[in-house]
Amino acid sequence: KEETKKMLAGIGANSDARAENLSL
């Protein structure tokens, strides 16, 4: 999970974001 959180942060998203929060 720590890696997937880093991925989200790496693309400019919140690390605890839900699927519906991300743009295309």
PDBML (XML) file of the C-alpha atoms, coordinates in Angstrom:
<?xml version="1.0" encoding="UTF-8" ?>
<PDBx:datablock datablockName="MODEL"
   xmlns:PDBx="http://pdbml.pdb.org/schema/pdbx-v50.xsd"
   xmlns:xsi="http://www.w3.org/2001/XMLSchema-instance"
   xsi:schemaLocation="http://pdbml.pdb.org/schema/pdbx-v50.xsd pdbx-v50.xsd">
   <PDBx:atom_siteCategory>
      <PDBx:atom_site id="1">
         <PDBx:B_iso_or_equiv>0.00</PDBx:B_iso_or_equiv>
         <PDBx:Cartn_x>0.000</PDBx:Cartn_x>
         <PDBx:Cartn_y>0.000</PDBx:Cartn_y>
         <PDBx:Cartn_z>0.000</PDBx:Cartn_z>
         <PDBx:auth_asym_id>A</PDBx:auth_asym_id>
         <PDBx:auth_atom_id>CA</PDBx:auth_atom_id>
         <PDBx:auth_comp_id>LYS</PDBx:auth_comp_id>
         <PDBx:auth_seq_id>1</PDBx:auth_seq_id>
         <PDBx:group_PDB>ATOM</PDBx:group_PDB>
         <PDBx:label_alt_id xsi:nil="true" />
         <PDBx:label_asym_id>A</PDBx:label_asym_id>
         <PDBx:label_atom_id>CA</PDBx:label_atom_id>
         <PDBx:label_comp_id>LYS</PDBx:label_comp_id>
         <PDBx:label_entity_id>1</PDBx:label_entity_id>
         <PDBx:label_seq_id>1</PDBx:label_seq_id>
         <PDBx:occupancy>1.00</PDBx:occupancy>
         <PDBx:pdbx_PDB_model_num>1</PDBx:pdbx_PDB_model_num>
         <PDBx:type_symbol>C</PDBx:type_symbol>
      </PDBx:atom_site>
      <PDBx:atom_site id="2">
         <PDBx:B_iso_or_equiv>0.00</PDBx:B_iso_or_equiv>
         <PDBx:Cartn_x>2.847</PDBx:Cartn_x>
         <PDBx:Cartn_y>2.430</PDBx:Cartn_y>
         <PDBx:Cartn_z>0.702</PDBx:Cartn_z>
         <PDBx:auth_asym_id>A</PDBx:auth_asym_id>
         <PDBx:auth_atom_id>CA</PDBx:auth_atom_id>
         <PDBx:auth_comp_id>GLU</PDBx:auth_comp_id>
         <PDBx:auth_seq_id>2</PDBx:auth_seq_id>
         <PDBx:group_PDB>ATOM</PDBx:group_PDB>
         <PDBx:label_alt_id xsi:nil="true" />
         <PDBx:label_asym_id>A</PDBx:label_asym_id>
         <PDBx:label_atom_id>CA</PDBx:label_atom_id>
         <PDBx:label_comp_id>GLU</PDBx:label_comp_id>
         <PDBx:label_entity_id>1</PDBx:label_entity_id>
         <PDBx:label_seq_id>2</PDBx:label_seq_id>
         <PDBx:occupancy>1.00</PDBx:occupancy>
         <PDBx:pdbx_PDB_model_num>1</PDBx:pdbx_PDB_model_num>
         <PDBx:type_symbol>C</PDBx:type_symbol>
      </PDBx:atom_site>
      <PDBx:atom_site id="3">
         <PDBx:B_iso_or_equiv>0.00</PDBx:B_iso_or_equiv>
         <PDBx:Cartn_x>3.974</PDBx:Cartn_x>
         <PDBx:Cartn_y>2.054</PDBx:Cartn_y>
         <PDBx:Cartn_z>-2.930</PDBx:Cartn_z>
         <PDBx:auth_asym_id>A</PDBx:auth_asym_id>
         <PDBx:auth_atom_id>CA</PDBx:auth_atom_id>
         <PDBx:auth_comp_id>GLU</PDBx:auth_comp_id>
         <PDBx:auth_seq_id>3</PDBx:auth_seq_id>
         <PDBx:group_PDB>ATOM</PDBx:group_PDB>
         <PDBx:label_alt_id xsi:nil="true" />
         <PDBx:label_asym_id>A</PDBx:label_asym_id>
         <PDBx:label_atom_id>CA</PDBx:label_atom_id>
         <PDBx:label_comp_id>GLU</PDBx:label_comp_id>
         <PDBx:label_entity_id>1</PDBx:label_entity_id>
         <PDBx:label_seq_id>3</PDBx:label_seq_id>
         <PDBx:occupancy>1.00</PDBx:occupancy>
         <PDBx:pdbx_PDB_model_num>1</PDBx:pdbx_PDB_model_num>
         <PDBx:type_symbol>C</PDBx:type_symbol>
      </PDBx:atom_site>
      <PDBx:atom_site id="4">
         <PDBx:B_iso_or_equiv>0.00</PDBx:B_iso_or_equiv>
         <PDBx:Cartn_x>0.511</PDBx:Cartn_x>
         <PDBx:Cartn_y>2.712</PDBx:Cartn_y>
         <PDBx:Cartn_z>-4.344</PDBx:Cartn_z>
         <PDBx:auth_asym_id>A</PDBx:auth_asym_id>
         <PDBx:auth_atom_id>CA</PDBx:auth_atom_id>
         <PDBx:auth_comp_id>THR</PDBx:auth_comp_id>
         <PDBx:auth_seq_id>4</PDBx:auth_seq_id>
         <PDBx:group_PDB>ATOM</PDBx:group_PDB>
         <PDBx:label_alt_id xsi:nil="true" />
         <PDBx:label_asym_id>A</PDBx:label_asym_id>
         <PDBx:label_atom_id>CA</PDBx:label_atom_id>
         <PDBx:label_comp_id>THR</PDBx:label_comp_id>
         <PDBx:label_entity_id>1</PDBx:label_entity_id>
         <PDBx:label_seq_id>4</PDBx:label_seq_id>
         <PDBx:occupancy>1.00</PDBx:occupancy>
         <PDBx:pdbx_PDB_model_num>1</PDBx:pdbx_PDB_model_num>
         <PDBx:type_symbol>C</PDBx:type_symbol>
      </PDBx:atom_site>
      <PDBx:atom_site id="5">
         <PDBx:B_iso_or_equiv>0.00</PDBx:B_iso_or_equiv>
         <PDBx:Cartn_x>0.233</PDBx:Cartn_x>
         <PDBx:Cartn_y>5.780</PDBx:Cartn_y>
         <PDBx:Cartn_z>-2.111</PDBx:Cartn_z>
         <PDBx:auth_asym_id>A</PDBx:auth_asym_id>
         <PDBx:auth_atom_id>CA</PDBx:auth_atom_id>
         <PDBx:auth_comp_id>LYS</PDBx:auth_comp_id>
         <PDBx:auth_seq_id>5</PDBx:auth_seq_id>
         <PDBx:group_PDB>ATOM</PDBx:group_PDB>
         <PDBx:label_alt_id xsi:nil="true" />
         <PDBx:label_asym_id>A</PDBx:label_asym_id>
         <PDBx:label_atom_id>CA</PDBx:label_atom_id>
         <PDBx:label_comp_id>LYS</PDBx:label_comp_id>
         <PDBx:label_entity_id>1</PDBx:label_entity_id>
         <PDBx:label_seq_id>5</PDBx:label_seq_id>
         <PDBx:occupancy>1.00</PDBx:occupancy>
         <PDBx:pdbx_PDB_model_num>1</PDBx:pdbx_PDB_model_num>
         <PDBx:type_symbol>C</PDBx:type_symbol>
      </PDBx:atom_site>
      <PDBx:atom_site id="6">
         <PDBx:B_iso_or_equiv>0.00</PDBx:B_iso_or_equiv>
         <PDBx:Cartn_x>3.557</PDBx:Cartn_x>
         <PDBx:Cartn_y>7.015</PDBx:Cartn_y>
         <PDBx:Cartn_z>-3.510</PDBx:Cartn_z>
         <PDBx:auth_asym_id>A</PDBx:auth_asym_id>
         <PDBx:auth_atom_id>CA</PDBx:auth_atom_id>
         <PDBx:auth_comp_id>LYS</PDBx:auth_comp_id>
         <PDBx:auth_seq_id>6</PDBx:auth_seq_id>
         <PDBx:group_PDB>ATOM</PDBx:group_PDB>
         <PDBx:label_alt_id xsi:nil="true" />
         <PDBx:label_asym_id>A</PDBx:label_asym_id>
         <PDBx:label_atom_id>CA</PDBx:label_atom_id>
         <PDBx:label_comp_id>LYS</PDBx:label_comp_id>
         <PDBx:label_entity_id>1</PDBx:label_entity_id>
         <PDBx:label_seq_id>6</PDBx:label_seq_id>
         <PDBx:occupancy>1.00</PDBx:occupancy>
         <PDBx:pdbx_PDB_model_num>1</PDBx:pdbx_PDB_model_num>
         <PDBx:type_symbol>C</PDBx:type_symbol>
      </PDBx:atom_site>
      <PDBx:atom_site id="7">
         <PDBx:B_iso_or_equiv>0.00</PDBx:B_iso_or_equiv>
         <PDBx:Cartn_x>2.228</PDBx:Cartn_x>
         <PDBx:Cartn_y>6.462</PDBx:Cartn_y>
         <PDBx:Cartn_z>-7.042</PDBx:Cartn_z>
         <PDBx:auth_asym_id>A</PDBx:auth_asym_id>
         <PDBx:auth_atom_id>CA</PDBx:auth_atom_id>
         <PDBx:auth_comp_id>MET</PDBx:auth_comp_id>
         <PDBx:auth_seq_id>7</PDBx:auth_seq_id>
         <PDBx:group_PDB>ATOM</PDBx:group_PDB>
         <PDBx:label_alt_id xsi:nil="true" />
         <PDBx:label_asym_id>A</PDBx:label_asym_id>
         <PDBx:label_atom_id>CA</PDBx:label_atom_id>
         <PDBx:label_comp_id>MET</PDBx:label_comp_id>
         <PDBx:label_entity_id>1</PDBx:label_entity_id>
         <PDBx:label_seq_id>7</PDBx:label_seq_id>
         <PDBx:occupancy>1.00</PDBx:occupancy>
         <PDBx:pdbx_PDB_model_num>1</PDBx:pdbx_PDB_model_num>
         <PDBx:type_symbol>C</PDBx:type_symbol>
      </PDBx:atom_site>
      <PDBx:atom_site id="8">
         <PDBx:B_iso_or_equiv>0.00</PDBx:B_iso_or_equiv>
         <PDBx:Cartn_x>-0.818</PDBx:Cartn_x>
         <PDBx:Cartn_y>8.613</PDBx:Cartn_y>
         <PDBx:Cartn_z>-6.340</PDBx:Cartn_z>
         <PDBx:auth_asym_id>A</PDBx:auth_asym_id>
         <PDBx:auth_atom_id>CA</PDBx:auth_atom_id>
         <PDBx:auth_comp_id>LEU</PDBx:auth_comp_id>
         <PDBx:auth_seq_id>8</PDBx:auth_seq_id>
         <PDBx:group_PDB>ATOM</PDBx:group_PDB>
         <PDBx:label_alt_id xsi:nil="true" />
         <PDBx:label_asym_id>A</PDBx:label_asym_id>
         <PDBx:label_atom_id>CA</PDBx:label_atom_id>
         <PDBx:label_comp_id>LEU</PDBx:label_comp_id>
         <PDBx:label_entity_id>1</PDBx:label_entity_id>
         <PDBx:label_seq_id>8</PDBx:label_seq_id>
         <PDBx:occupancy>1.00</PDBx:occupancy>
         <PDBx:pdbx_PDB_model_num>1</PDBx:pdbx_PDB_model_num>
         <PDBx:type_symbol>C</PDBx:type_symbol>
      </PDBx:atom_site>
      <PDBx:atom_site id="9">
         <PDBx:B_iso_or_equiv>0.00</PDBx:B_iso_or_equiv>
         <PDBx:Cartn_x>1.343</PDBx:Cartn_x>
         <PDBx:Cartn_y>11.351</PDBx:Cartn_y>
         <PDBx:Cartn_z>-4.842</PDBx:Cartn_z>
         <PDBx:auth_asym_id>A</PDBx:auth_asym_id>
         <PDBx:auth_atom_id>CA</PDBx:auth_atom_id>
         <PDBx:auth_comp_id>ALA</PDBx:auth_comp_id>
         <PDBx:auth_seq_id>9</PDBx:auth_seq_id>
         <PDBx:group_PDB>ATOM</PDBx:group_PDB>
         <PDBx:label_alt_id xsi:nil="true" />
         <PDBx:label_asym_id>A</PDBx:label_asym_id>
         <PDBx:label_atom_id>CA</PDBx:label_atom_id>
         <PDBx:label_comp_id>ALA</PDBx:label_comp_id>
         <PDBx:label_entity_id>1</PDBx:label_entity_id>
         <PDBx:label_seq_id>9</PDBx:label_seq_id>
         <PDBx:occupancy>1.00</PDBx:occupancy>
         <PDBx:pdbx_PDB_model_num>1</PDBx:pdbx_PDB_model_num>
         <PDBx:type_symbol>C</PDBx:type_symbol>
      </PDBx:atom_site>
      <PDBx:atom_site id="10">
         <PDBx:B_iso_or_equiv>0.00</PDBx:B_iso_or_equiv>
         <PDBx:Cartn_x>3.657</PDBx:Cartn_x>
         <PDBx:Cartn_y>11.045</PDBx:Cartn_y>
         <PDBx:Cartn_z>-7.853</PDBx:Cartn_z>
         <PDBx:auth_asym_id>A</PDBx:auth_asym_id>
         <PDBx:auth_atom_id>CA</PDBx:auth_atom_id>
         <PDBx:auth_comp_id>GLY</PDBx:auth_comp_id>
         <PDBx:auth_seq_id>10</PDBx:auth_seq_id>
         <PDBx:group_PDB>ATOM</PDBx:group_PDB>
         <PDBx:label_alt_id xsi:nil="true" />
         <PDBx:label_asym_id>A</PDBx:label_asym_id>
         <PDBx:label_atom_id>CA</PDBx:label_atom_id>
         <PDBx:label_comp_id>GLY</PDBx:label_comp_id>
         <PDBx:label_entity_id>1</PDBx:label_entity_id>
         <PDBx:label_seq_id>10</PDBx:label_seq_id>
         <PDBx:occupancy>1.00</PDBx:occupancy>
         <PDBx:pdbx_PDB_model_num>1</PDBx:pdbx_PDB_model_num>
         <PDBx:type_symbol>C</PDBx:type_symbol>
      </PDBx:atom_site>
      <PDBx:atom_site id="11">
         <PDBx:B_iso_or_equiv>0.00</PDBx:B_iso_or_equiv>
         <PDBx:Cartn_x>0.870</PDBx:Cartn_x>
         <PDBx:Cartn_y>11.864</PDBx:Cartn_y>
         <PDBx:Cartn_z>-10.317</PDBx:Cartn_z>
         <PDBx:auth_asym_id>A</PDBx:auth_asym_id>
         <PDBx:auth_atom_id>CA</PDBx:auth_atom_id>
         <PDBx:auth_comp_id>ILE</PDBx:auth_comp_id>
         <PDBx:auth_seq_id>11</PDBx:auth_seq_id>
         <PDBx:group_PDB>ATOM</PDBx:group_PDB>
         <PDBx:label_alt_id xsi:nil="true" />
         <PDBx:label_asym_id>A</PDBx:label_asym_id>
         <PDBx:label_atom_id>CA</PDBx:label_atom_id>
         <PDBx:label_comp_id>ILE</PDBx:label_comp_id>
         <PDBx:label_entity_id>1</PDBx:label_entity_id>
         <PDBx:label_seq_id>11</PDBx:label_seq_id>
         <PDBx:occupancy>1.00</PDBx:occupancy>
         <PDBx:pdbx_PDB_model_num>1</PDBx:pdbx_PDB_model_num>
         <PDBx:type_symbol>C</PDBx:type_symbol>
      </PDBx:atom_site>
      <PDBx:atom_site id="12">
         <PDBx:B_iso_or_equiv>0.00</PDBx:B_iso_or_equiv>
         <PDBx:Cartn_x>-0.320</PDBx:Cartn_x>
         <PDBx:Cartn_y>14.816</PDBx:Cartn_y>
         <PDBx:Cartn_z>-8.244</PDBx:Cartn_z>
         <PDBx:auth_asym_id>A</PDBx:auth_asym_id>
         <PDBx:auth_atom_id>CA</PDBx:auth_atom_id>
         <PDBx:auth_comp_id>GLY</PDBx:auth_comp_id>
         <PDBx:auth_seq_id>12</PDBx:auth_seq_id>
         <PDBx:group_PDB>ATOM</PDBx:group_PDB>
         <PDBx:label_alt_id xsi:nil="true" />
         <PDBx:label_asym_id>A</PDBx:label_asym_id>
         <PDBx:label_atom_id>CA</PDBx:label_atom_id>
         <PDBx:label_comp_id>GLY</PDBx:label_comp_id>
         <PDBx:label_entity_id>1</PDBx:label_entity_id>
         <PDBx:label_seq_id>12</PDBx:label_seq_id>
         <PDBx:occupancy>1.00</PDBx:occupancy>
         <PDBx:pdbx_PDB_model_num>1</PDBx:pdbx_PDB_model_num>
         <PDBx:type_symbol>C</PDBx:type_symbol>
      </PDBx:atom_site>
      <PDBx:atom_site id="13">
         <PDBx:B_iso_or_equiv>0.00</PDBx:B_iso_or_equiv>
         <PDBx:Cartn_x>-3.251</PDBx:Cartn_x>
         <PDBx:Cartn_y>13.102</PDBx:Cartn_y>
         <PDBx:Cartn_z>-6.532</PDBx:Cartn_z>
         <PDBx:auth_asym_id>A</PDBx:auth_asym_id>
         <PDBx:auth_atom_id>CA</PDBx:auth_atom_id>
         <PDBx:auth_comp_id>ALA</PDBx:auth_comp_id>
         <PDBx:auth_seq_id>13</PDBx:auth_seq_id>
         <PDBx:group_PDB>ATOM</PDBx:group_PDB>
         <PDBx:label_alt_id xsi:nil="true" />
         <PDBx:label_asym_id>A</PDBx:label_asym_id>
         <PDBx:label_atom_id>CA</PDBx:label_atom_id>
         <PDBx:label_comp_id>ALA</PDBx:label_comp_id>
         <PDBx:label_entity_id>1</PDBx:label_entity_id>
         <PDBx:label_seq_id>13</PDBx:label_seq_id>
         <PDBx:occupancy>1.00</PDBx:occupancy>
         <PDBx:pdbx_PDB_model_num>1</PDBx:pdbx_PDB_model_num>
         <PDBx:type_symbol>C</PDBx:type_symbol>
      </PDBx:atom_site>
      <PDBx:atom_site id="14">
         <PDBx:B_iso_or_equiv>0.00</PDBx:B_iso_or_equiv>
         <PDBx:Cartn_x>-4.046</PDBx:Cartn_x>
         <PDBx:Cartn_y>12.861</PDBx:Cartn_y>
         <PDBx:Cartn_z>-2.838</PDBx:Cartn_z>
         <PDBx:auth_asym_id>A</PDBx:auth_asym_id>
         <PDBx:auth_atom_id>CA</PDBx:auth_atom_id>
         <PDBx:auth_comp_id>ASN</PDBx:auth_comp_id>
         <PDBx:auth_seq_id>14</PDBx:auth_seq_id>
         <PDBx:group_PDB>ATOM</PDBx:group_PDB>
         <PDBx:label_alt_id xsi:nil="true" />
         <PDBx:label_asym_id>A</PDBx:label_asym_id>
         <PDBx:label_atom_id>CA</PDBx:label_atom_id>
         <PDBx:label_comp_id>ASN</PDBx:label_comp_id>
         <PDBx:label_entity_id>1</PDBx:label_entity_id>
         <PDBx:label_seq_id>14</PDBx:label_seq_id>
         <PDBx:occupancy>1.00</PDBx:occupancy>
         <PDBx:pdbx_PDB_model_num>1</PDBx:pdbx_PDB_model_num>
         <PDBx:type_symbol>C</PDBx:type_symbol>
      </PDBx:atom_site>
      <PDBx:atom_site id="15">
         <PDBx:B_iso_or_equiv>0.00</PDBx:B_iso_or_equiv>
         <PDBx:Cartn_x>-2.560</PDBx:Cartn_x>
         <PDBx:Cartn_y>9.653</PDBx:Cartn_y>
         <PDBx:Cartn_z>-1.441</PDBx:Cartn_z>
         <PDBx:auth_asym_id>A</PDBx:auth_asym_id>
         <PDBx:auth_atom_id>CA</PDBx:auth_atom_id>
         <PDBx:auth_comp_id>SER</PDBx:auth_comp_id>
         <PDBx:auth_seq_id>15</PDBx:auth_seq_id>
         <PDBx:group_PDB>ATOM</PDBx:group_PDB>
         <PDBx:label_alt_id xsi:nil="true" />
         <PDBx:label_asym_id>A</PDBx:label_asym_id>
         <PDBx:label_atom_id>CA</PDBx:label_atom_id>
         <PDBx:label_comp_id>SER</PDBx:label_comp_id>
         <PDBx:label_entity_id>1</PDBx:label_entity_id>
         <PDBx:label_seq_id>15</PDBx:label_seq_id>
         <PDBx:occupancy>1.00</PDBx:occupancy>
         <PDBx:pdbx_PDB_model_num>1</PDBx:pdbx_PDB_model_num>
         <PDBx:type_symbol>C</PDBx:type_symbol>
      </PDBx:atom_site>
      <PDBx:atom_site id="16">
         <PDBx:B_iso_or_equiv>0.00</PDBx:B_iso_or_equiv>
         <PDBx:Cartn_x>-5.848</PDBx:Cartn_x>
         <PDBx:Cartn_y>8.749</PDBx:Cartn_y>
         <PDBx:Cartn_z>0.249</PDBx:Cartn_z>
         <PDBx:auth_asym_id>A</PDBx:auth_asym_id>
         <PDBx:auth_atom_id>CA</PDBx:auth_atom_id>
         <PDBx:auth_comp_id>ASP</PDBx:auth_comp_id>
         <PDBx:auth_seq_id>16</PDBx:auth_seq_id>
         <PDBx:group_PDB>ATOM</PDBx:group_PDB>
         <PDBx:label_alt_id xsi:nil="true" />
         <PDBx:label_asym_id>A</PDBx:label_asym_id>
         <PDBx:label_atom_id>CA</PDBx:label_atom_id>
         <PDBx:label_comp_id>ASP</PDBx:label_comp_id>
         <PDBx:label_entity_id>1</PDBx:label_entity_id>
         <PDBx:label_seq_id>16</PDBx:label_seq_id>
         <PDBx:occupancy>1.00</PDBx:occupancy>
         <PDBx:pdbx_PDB_model_num>1</PDBx:pdbx_PDB_model_num>
         <PDBx:type_symbol>C</PDBx:type_symbol>
      </PDBx:atom_site>
      <PDBx:atom_site id="17">
         <PDBx:B_iso_or_equiv>0.00</PDBx:B_iso_or_equiv>
         <PDBx:Cartn_x>-8.027</PDBx:Cartn_x>
         <PDBx:Cartn_y>9.668</PDBx:Cartn_y>
         <PDBx:Cartn_z>-2.757</PDBx:Cartn_z>
         <PDBx:auth_asym_id>A</PDBx:auth_asym_id>
         <PDBx:auth_atom_id>CA</PDBx:auth_atom_id>
         <PDBx:auth_comp_id>ALA</PDBx:auth_comp_id>
         <PDBx:auth_seq_id>17</PDBx:auth_seq_id>
         <PDBx:group_PDB>ATOM</PDBx:group_PDB>
         <PDBx:label_alt_id xsi:nil="true" />
         <PDBx:label_asym_id>A</PDBx:label_asym_id>
         <PDBx:label_atom_id>CA</PDBx:label_atom_id>
         <PDBx:label_comp_id>ALA</PDBx:label_comp_id>
         <PDBx:label_entity_id>1</PDBx:label_entity_id>
         <PDBx:label_seq_id>17</PDBx:label_seq_id>
         <PDBx:occupancy>1.00</PDBx:occupancy>
         <PDBx:pdbx_PDB_model_num>1</PDBx:pdbx_PDB_model_num>
         <PDBx:type_symbol>C</PDBx:type_symbol>
      </PDBx:atom_site>
      <PDBx:atom_site id="18">
         <PDBx:B_iso_or_equiv>0.00</PDBx:B_iso_or_equiv>
         <PDBx:Cartn_x>-10.921</PDBx:Cartn_x>
         <PDBx:Cartn_y>7.496</PDBx:Cartn_y>
         <PDBx:Cartn_z>-3.858</PDBx:Cartn_z>
         <PDBx:auth_asym_id>A</PDBx:auth_asym_id>
         <PDBx:auth_atom_id>CA</PDBx:auth_atom_id>
         <PDBx:auth_comp_id>ARG</PDBx:auth_comp_id>
         <PDBx:auth_seq_id>18</PDBx:auth_seq_id>
         <PDBx:group_PDB>ATOM</PDBx:group_PDB>
         <PDBx:label_alt_id xsi:nil="true" />
         <PDBx:label_asym_id>A</PDBx:label_asym_id>
         <PDBx:label_atom_id>CA</PDBx:label_atom_id>
         <PDBx:label_comp_id>ARG</PDBx:label_comp_id>
         <PDBx:label_entity_id>1</PDBx:label_entity_id>
         <PDBx:label_seq_id>18</PDBx:label_seq_id>
         <PDBx:occupancy>1.00</PDBx:occupancy>
         <PDBx:pdbx_PDB_model_num>1</PDBx:pdbx_PDB_model_num>
         <PDBx:type_symbol>C</PDBx:type_symbol>
      </PDBx:atom_site>
      <PDBx:atom_site id="19">
         <PDBx:B_iso_or_equiv>0.00</PDBx:B_iso_or_equiv>
         <PDBx:Cartn_x>-11.458</PDBx:Cartn_x>
         <PDBx:Cartn_y>6.399</PDBx:Cartn_y>
         <PDBx:Cartn_z>-7.445</PDBx:Cartn_z>
         <PDBx:auth_asym_id>A</PDBx:auth_asym_id>
         <PDBx:auth_atom_id>CA</PDBx:auth_atom_id>
         <PDBx:auth_comp_id>ALA</PDBx:auth_comp_id>
         <PDBx:auth_seq_id>19</PDBx:auth_seq_id>
         <PDBx:group_PDB>ATOM</PDBx:group_PDB>
         <PDBx:label_alt_id xsi:nil="true" />
         <PDBx:label_asym_id>A</PDBx:label_asym_id>
         <PDBx:label_atom_id>CA</PDBx:label_atom_id>
         <PDBx:label_comp_id>ALA</PDBx:label_comp_id>
         <PDBx:label_entity_id>1</PDBx:label_entity_id>
         <PDBx:label_seq_id>19</PDBx:label_seq_id>
         <PDBx:occupancy>1.00</PDBx:occupancy>
         <PDBx:pdbx_PDB_model_num>1</PDBx:pdbx_PDB_model_num>
         <PDBx:type_symbol>C</PDBx:type_symbol>
      </PDBx:atom_site>
      <PDBx:atom_site id="20">
         <PDBx:B_iso_or_equiv>0.00</PDBx:B_iso_or_equiv>
         <PDBx:Cartn_x>-14.160</PDBx:Cartn_x>
         <PDBx:Cartn_y>9.023</PDBx:Cartn_y>
         <PDBx:Cartn_z>-8.103</PDBx:Cartn_z>
         <PDBx:auth_asym_id>A</PDBx:auth_asym_id>
         <PDBx:auth_atom_id>CA</PDBx:auth_atom_id>
         <PDBx:auth_comp_id>GLU</PDBx:auth_comp_id>
         <PDBx:auth_seq_id>20</PDBx:auth_seq_id>
         <PDBx:group_PDB>ATOM</PDBx:group_PDB>
         <PDBx:label_alt_id xsi:nil="true" />
         <PDBx:label_asym_id>A</PDBx:label_asym_id>
         <PDBx:label_atom_id>CA</PDBx:label_atom_id>
         <PDBx:label_comp_id>GLU</PDBx:label_comp_id>
         <PDBx:label_entity_id>1</PDBx:label_entity_id>
         <PDBx:label_seq_id>20</PDBx:label_seq_id>
         <PDBx:occupancy>1.00</PDBx:occupancy>
         <PDBx:pdbx_PDB_model_num>1</PDBx:pdbx_PDB_model_num>
         <PDBx:type_symbol>C</PDBx:type_symbol>
      </PDBx:atom_site>
      <PDBx:atom_site id="21">
         <PDBx:B_iso_or_equiv>0.00</PDBx:B_iso_or_equiv>
         <PDBx:Cartn_x>-11.738</PDBx:Cartn_x>
         <PDBx:Cartn_y>11.843</PDBx:Cartn_y>
         <PDBx:Cartn_z>-7.153</PDBx:Cartn_z>
         <PDBx:auth_asym_id>A</PDBx:auth_asym_id>
         <PDBx:auth_atom_id>CA</PDBx:auth_atom_id>
         <PDBx:auth_comp_id>ASN</PDBx:auth_comp_id>
         <PDBx:auth_seq_id>21</PDBx:auth_seq_id>
         <PDBx:group_PDB>ATOM</PDBx:group_PDB>
         <PDBx:label_alt_id xsi:nil="true" />
         <PDBx:label_asym_id>A</PDBx:label_asym_id>
         <PDBx:label_atom_id>CA</PDBx:label_atom_id>
         <PDBx:label_comp_id>ASN</PDBx:label_comp_id>
         <PDBx:label_entity_id>1</PDBx:label_entity_id>
         <PDBx:label_seq_id>21</PDBx:label_seq_id>
         <PDBx:occupancy>1.00</PDBx:occupancy>
         <PDBx:pdbx_PDB_model_num>1</PDBx:pdbx_PDB_model_num>
         <PDBx:type_symbol>C</PDBx:type_symbol>
      </PDBx:atom_site>
      <PDBx:atom_site id="22">
         <PDBx:B_iso_or_equiv>0.00</PDBx:B_iso_or_equiv>
         <PDBx:Cartn_x>-9.319</PDBx:Cartn_x>
         <PDBx:Cartn_y>11.312</PDBx:Cartn_y>
         <PDBx:Cartn_z>-10.058</PDBx:Cartn_z>
         <PDBx:auth_asym_id>A</PDBx:auth_asym_id>
         <PDBx:auth_atom_id>CA</PDBx:auth_atom_id>
         <PDBx:auth_comp_id>LEU</PDBx:auth_comp_id>
         <PDBx:auth_seq_id>22</PDBx:auth_seq_id>
         <PDBx:group_PDB>ATOM</PDBx:group_PDB>
         <PDBx:label_alt_id xsi:nil="true" />
         <PDBx:label_asym_id>A</PDBx:label_asym_id>
         <PDBx:label_atom_id>CA</PDBx:label_atom_id>
         <PDBx:label_comp_id>LEU</PDBx:label_comp_id>
         <PDBx:label_entity_id>1</PDBx:label_entity_id>
         <PDBx:label_seq_id>22</PDBx:label_seq_id>
         <PDBx:occupancy>1.00</PDBx:occupancy>
         <PDBx:pdbx_PDB_model_num>1</PDBx:pdbx_PDB_model_num>
         <PDBx:type_symbol>C</PDBx:type_symbol>
      </PDBx:atom_site>
      <PDBx:atom_site id="23">
         <PDBx:B_iso_or_equiv>0.00</PDBx:B_iso_or_equiv>
         <PDBx:Cartn_x>-9.693</PDBx:Cartn_x>
         <PDBx:Cartn_y>13.028</PDBx:Cartn_y>
         <PDBx:Cartn_z>-13.434</PDBx:Cartn_z>
         <PDBx:auth_asym_id>A</PDBx:auth_asym_id>
         <PDBx:auth_atom_id>CA</PDBx:auth_atom_id>
         <PDBx:auth_comp_id>SER</PDBx:auth_comp_id>
         <PDBx:auth_seq_id>23</PDBx:auth_seq_id>
         <PDBx:group_PDB>ATOM</PDBx:group_PDB>
         <PDBx:label_alt_id xsi:nil="true" />
         <PDBx:label_asym_id>A</PDBx:label_asym_id>
         <PDBx:label_atom_id>CA</PDBx:label_atom_id>
         <PDBx:label_comp_id>SER</PDBx:label_comp_id>
         <PDBx:label_entity_id>1</PDBx:label_entity_id>
         <PDBx:label_seq_id>23</PDBx:label_seq_id>
         <PDBx:occupancy>1.00</PDBx:occupancy>
         <PDBx:pdbx_PDB_model_num>1</PDBx:pdbx_PDB_model_num>
         <PDBx:type_symbol>C</PDBx:type_symbol>
      </PDBx:atom_site>
      <PDBx:atom_site id="24">
         <PDBx:B_iso_or_equiv>0.00</PDBx:B_iso_or_equiv>
         <PDBx:Cartn_x>-9.189</PDBx:Cartn_x>
         <PDBx:Cartn_y>11.175</PDBx:Cartn_y>
         <PDBx:Cartn_z>-16.708</PDBx:Cartn_z>
         <PDBx:auth_asym_id>A</PDBx:auth_asym_id>
         <PDBx:auth_atom_id>CA</PDBx:auth_atom_id>
         <PDBx:auth_comp_id>LEU</PDBx:auth_comp_id>
         <PDBx:auth_seq_id>24</PDBx:auth_seq_id>
         <PDBx:group_PDB>ATOM</PDBx:group_PDB>
         <PDBx:label_alt_id xsi:nil="true" />
         <PDBx:label_asym_id>A</PDBx:label_asym_id>
         <PDBx:label_atom_id>CA</PDBx:label_atom_id>
         <PDBx:label_comp_id>LEU</PDBx:label_comp_id>
         <PDBx:label_entity_id>1</PDBx:label_entity_id>
         <PDBx:label_seq_id>24</PDBx:label_seq_id>
         <PDBx:occupancy>1.00</PDBx:occupancy>
         <PDBx:pdbx_PDB_model_num>1</PDBx:pdbx_PDB_model_num>
         <PDBx:type_symbol>C</PDBx:type_symbol>
      </PDBx:atom_site>
   </PDBx:atom_siteCategory>
</PDBx:datablock>
